[in-house]
Amino acid sequence: MSRIIVTGGQKLKGELSIEGSKNAVLPILAATVLNGGINVIKNCPKLKDVQIAIEILKRLGCKVHIEGNVVTLDSSTLNKTEVPEDLATEMRSSILFLGPMLARCKKVTISYPGECVSLLTQPVAVPSHAGCILLYLVPF
């Protein structure tokens, strides 16, 4: 078994930078649809799934400005309710757009996320004002 032995007696001090997390920022990006205004996300990682989520937002009509690791997003210009199929099928987490789009626009069209056909038999829970709605994704 591995172990770390720390010897010393001196207090630790200093600063540490924490990397942005893909699993934290993807739901945040999807949630920016809700407020219909300006959102500033700092420490946003530059990863493929994050770039796809940003591209989905752009195609939905949101204005996006990226400077370094800061993403400024204006969702007041949202004008579409269909998540582009070519982007939705590239990442499983595209399903995160389902709840915010339903809440704001009252309708949404989205392909199987990440070509995940197993969703046909599994319900997707979407939070709503009255609790939780279970949706079954069906082909059309």
Protein backbone atom coordinates (compact mmCIF):
# COMPACT_ATOMS: atom_id res chain seq x y z
CA MET A 1 0.00 0.00 0.00
CA SER A 2 1.27 3.48 -0.89
CA ARG A 3 1.56 6.21 1.70
CA ILE A 4 2.86 9.71 2.12
CA ILE A 5 4.81 10.62 5.22
CA VAL A 6 5.04 14.32 6.05
CA THR A 7 7.62 15.45 8.54
CA GLY A 8 8.36 18.95 9.55
CA GLY A 9 6.63 21.10 12.06
CA GLN A 10 6.42 24.17 9.87
CA LYS A 11 3.12 25.68 8.78
CA LEU A 12 2.27 25.54 5.11
CA LYS A 13 1.66 28.87 3.42
CA GLY A 14 1.34 30.12 -0.11
CA GLU A 15 -1.14 30.21 -2.95
CA LEU A 16 -2.48 27.55 -5.22
CA SER A 17 -4.33 27.97 -8.51
CA ILE A 18 -7.20 25.58 -9.11
CA GLU A 19 -7.95 24.50 -12.66
CA GLY A 20 -11.46 24.95 -14.02
CA SER A 21 -13.52 21.76 -14.16
CA LYS A 22 -15.35 20.54 -17.27
CA ASN A 23 -17.97 18.79 -15.14
CA ALA A 24 -18.63 22.04 -13.26
CA VAL A 25 -18.66 24.45 -16.19
CA LEU A 26 -20.90 22.46 -18.59
CA PRO A 27 -24.03 22.75 -16.40
CA ILE A 28 -23.17 26.40 -15.74
CA LEU A 29 -22.97 27.11 -19.49
CA ALA A 30 -26.33 25.42 -20.06
CA ALA A 31 -27.87 27.36 -17.17
CA THR A 32 -26.88 30.72 -18.71
CA VAL A 33 -29.91 30.29 -20.99
CA LEU A 34 -32.19 30.87 -17.99
CA ASN A 35 -31.46 34.46 -17.03
CA GLY A 36 -31.78 36.06 -20.47
CA GLY A 37 -28.92 38.42 -19.76
CA ILE A 38 -25.16 38.73 -19.38
CA ASN A 39 -23.19 35.95 -17.69
CA VAL A 40 -19.47 36.00 -16.90
CA ILE A 41 -17.78 32.66 -16.30
CA LYS A 42 -14.21 32.79 -15.03
CA ASN A 43 -11.60 30.04 -15.02
CA CYS A 44 -13.36 28.25 -17.88
CA PRO A 45 -11.25 25.32 -19.16
CA LYS A 46 -10.36 25.13 -22.84
CA LEU A 47 -11.61 21.62 -23.60
CA LYS A 48 -13.45 20.14 -26.56
CA ASP A 49 -16.76 19.60 -24.71
CA VAL A 50 -16.66 23.18 -23.40
CA GLN A 51 -16.05 24.49 -26.92
CA ILE A 52 -18.98 22.40 -28.22
CA ALA A 53 -21.26 23.77 -25.48
CA ILE A 54 -20.22 27.32 -26.37
CA GLU A 55 -20.89 26.62 -30.04
CA ILE A 56 -24.36 25.26 -29.15
CA LEU A 57 -25.08 28.53 -27.31
CA LYS A 58 -23.88 30.57 -30.30
CA ARG A 59 -26.11 28.59 -32.68
CA LEU A 60 -29.06 29.10 -30.34
CA GLY A 61 -28.51 32.83 -30.83
CA CYS A 62 -26.47 33.76 -27.74
CA LYS A 63 -23.60 36.23 -28.06
CA VAL A 64 -20.31 34.87 -26.74
CA HIS A 65 -17.00 36.62 -26.10
CA ILE A 66 -13.94 34.68 -24.93
CA GLU A 67 -10.85 36.34 -23.51
CA GLY A 68 -8.30 33.97 -22.01
CA ASN A 69 -10.19 31.73 -19.61
CA VAL A 70 -13.12 34.15 -19.14
CA VAL A 71 -16.31 33.57 -21.13
CA THR A 72 -18.86 36.40 -21.33
CA LEU A 73 -22.19 35.19 -22.61
CA ASP A 74 -25.34 37.19 -23.43
CA SER A 75 -28.38 34.94 -23.58
CA SER A 76 -30.86 37.79 -24.16
CA THR A 77 -30.44 37.22 -27.90
CA LEU A 78 -31.48 33.52 -27.74
CA ASN A 79 -33.75 32.99 -30.76
CA LYS A 80 -33.82 29.25 -31.49
CA THR A 81 -35.18 26.21 -29.65
CA GLU A 82 -33.43 23.49 -31.62
CA VAL A 83 -30.05 22.28 -30.38
CA PRO A 84 -28.07 21.57 -33.57
CA GLU A 85 -27.87 17.83 -34.22
CA ASP A 86 -24.26 17.92 -35.39
CA LEU A 87 -23.21 19.37 -32.02
CA ALA A 88 -25.63 17.45 -29.78
CA THR A 89 -24.35 14.14 -31.10
CA GLU A 90 -20.75 15.11 -30.36
CA MET A 91 -21.12 15.15 -26.58
CA ARG A 92 -23.31 13.30 -24.11
CA SER A 93 -23.64 16.32 -21.85
CA SER A 94 -25.61 18.21 -24.53
CA ILE A 95 -28.65 16.85 -22.66
CA LEU A 96 -27.88 19.53 -20.03
CA PHE A 97 -29.51 22.09 -22.35
CA LEU A 98 -32.86 20.31 -22.14
CA GLY A 99 -33.98 21.69 -18.74
CA PRO A 100 -32.93 25.34 -19.17
CA MET A 101 -34.35 25.50 -22.70
CA LEU A 102 -37.69 24.03 -21.56
CA ALA A 103 -37.84 26.43 -18.63
CA ARG A 104 -37.10 29.53 -20.70
CA CYS A 105 -38.63 28.73 -24.10
CA LYS A 106 -41.27 26.16 -23.11
CA LYS A 107 -40.04 23.93 -25.94
CA VAL A 108 -36.82 22.36 -27.18
CA THR A 109 -35.73 19.95 -29.89
CA ILE A 110 -32.57 17.96 -29.25
CA SER A 111 -30.99 14.87 -30.82
CA TYR A 112 -29.75 11.90 -28.91
CA PRO A 113 -26.85 13.27 -26.88
CA GLY A 114 -23.54 11.83 -27.98
CA GLU A 115 -25.35 9.29 -30.14
CA CYS A 116 -26.54 7.66 -26.92
CA VAL A 117 -29.35 5.44 -28.19
CA SER A 118 -29.66 3.79 -24.74
CA LEU A 119 -31.66 6.89 -23.70
CA LEU A 120 -34.59 5.40 -25.59
CA THR A 121 -35.29 3.15 -22.62
CA GLN A 122 -34.16 5.45 -19.81
CA PRO A 123 -36.17 8.47 -18.65
CA VAL A 124 -34.45 11.84 -18.38
CA ALA A 125 -35.35 13.79 -15.23
CA VAL A 126 -35.84 17.49 -15.85
CA PRO A 127 -36.37 19.80 -12.85
CA SER A 128 -39.43 22.05 -13.10
CA HIS A 129 -41.31 24.50 -10.89
CA ALA A 130 -43.70 21.75 -9.78
CA GLY A 131 -41.04 19.15 -9.02
CA CYS A 132 -39.51 16.91 -11.63
CA ILE A 133 -40.72 15.91 -15.09
CA LEU A 134 -39.68 12.55 -16.55
CA LEU A 135 -39.19 12.60 -20.29
CA TYR A 136 -38.65 9.69 -22.63
CA LEU A 137 -36.67 10.51 -25.75
CA VAL A 138 -38.25 8.93 -28.78
CA PRO A 139 -37.19 8.93 -32.43
CA PHE A 140 -39.15 11.09 -34.84
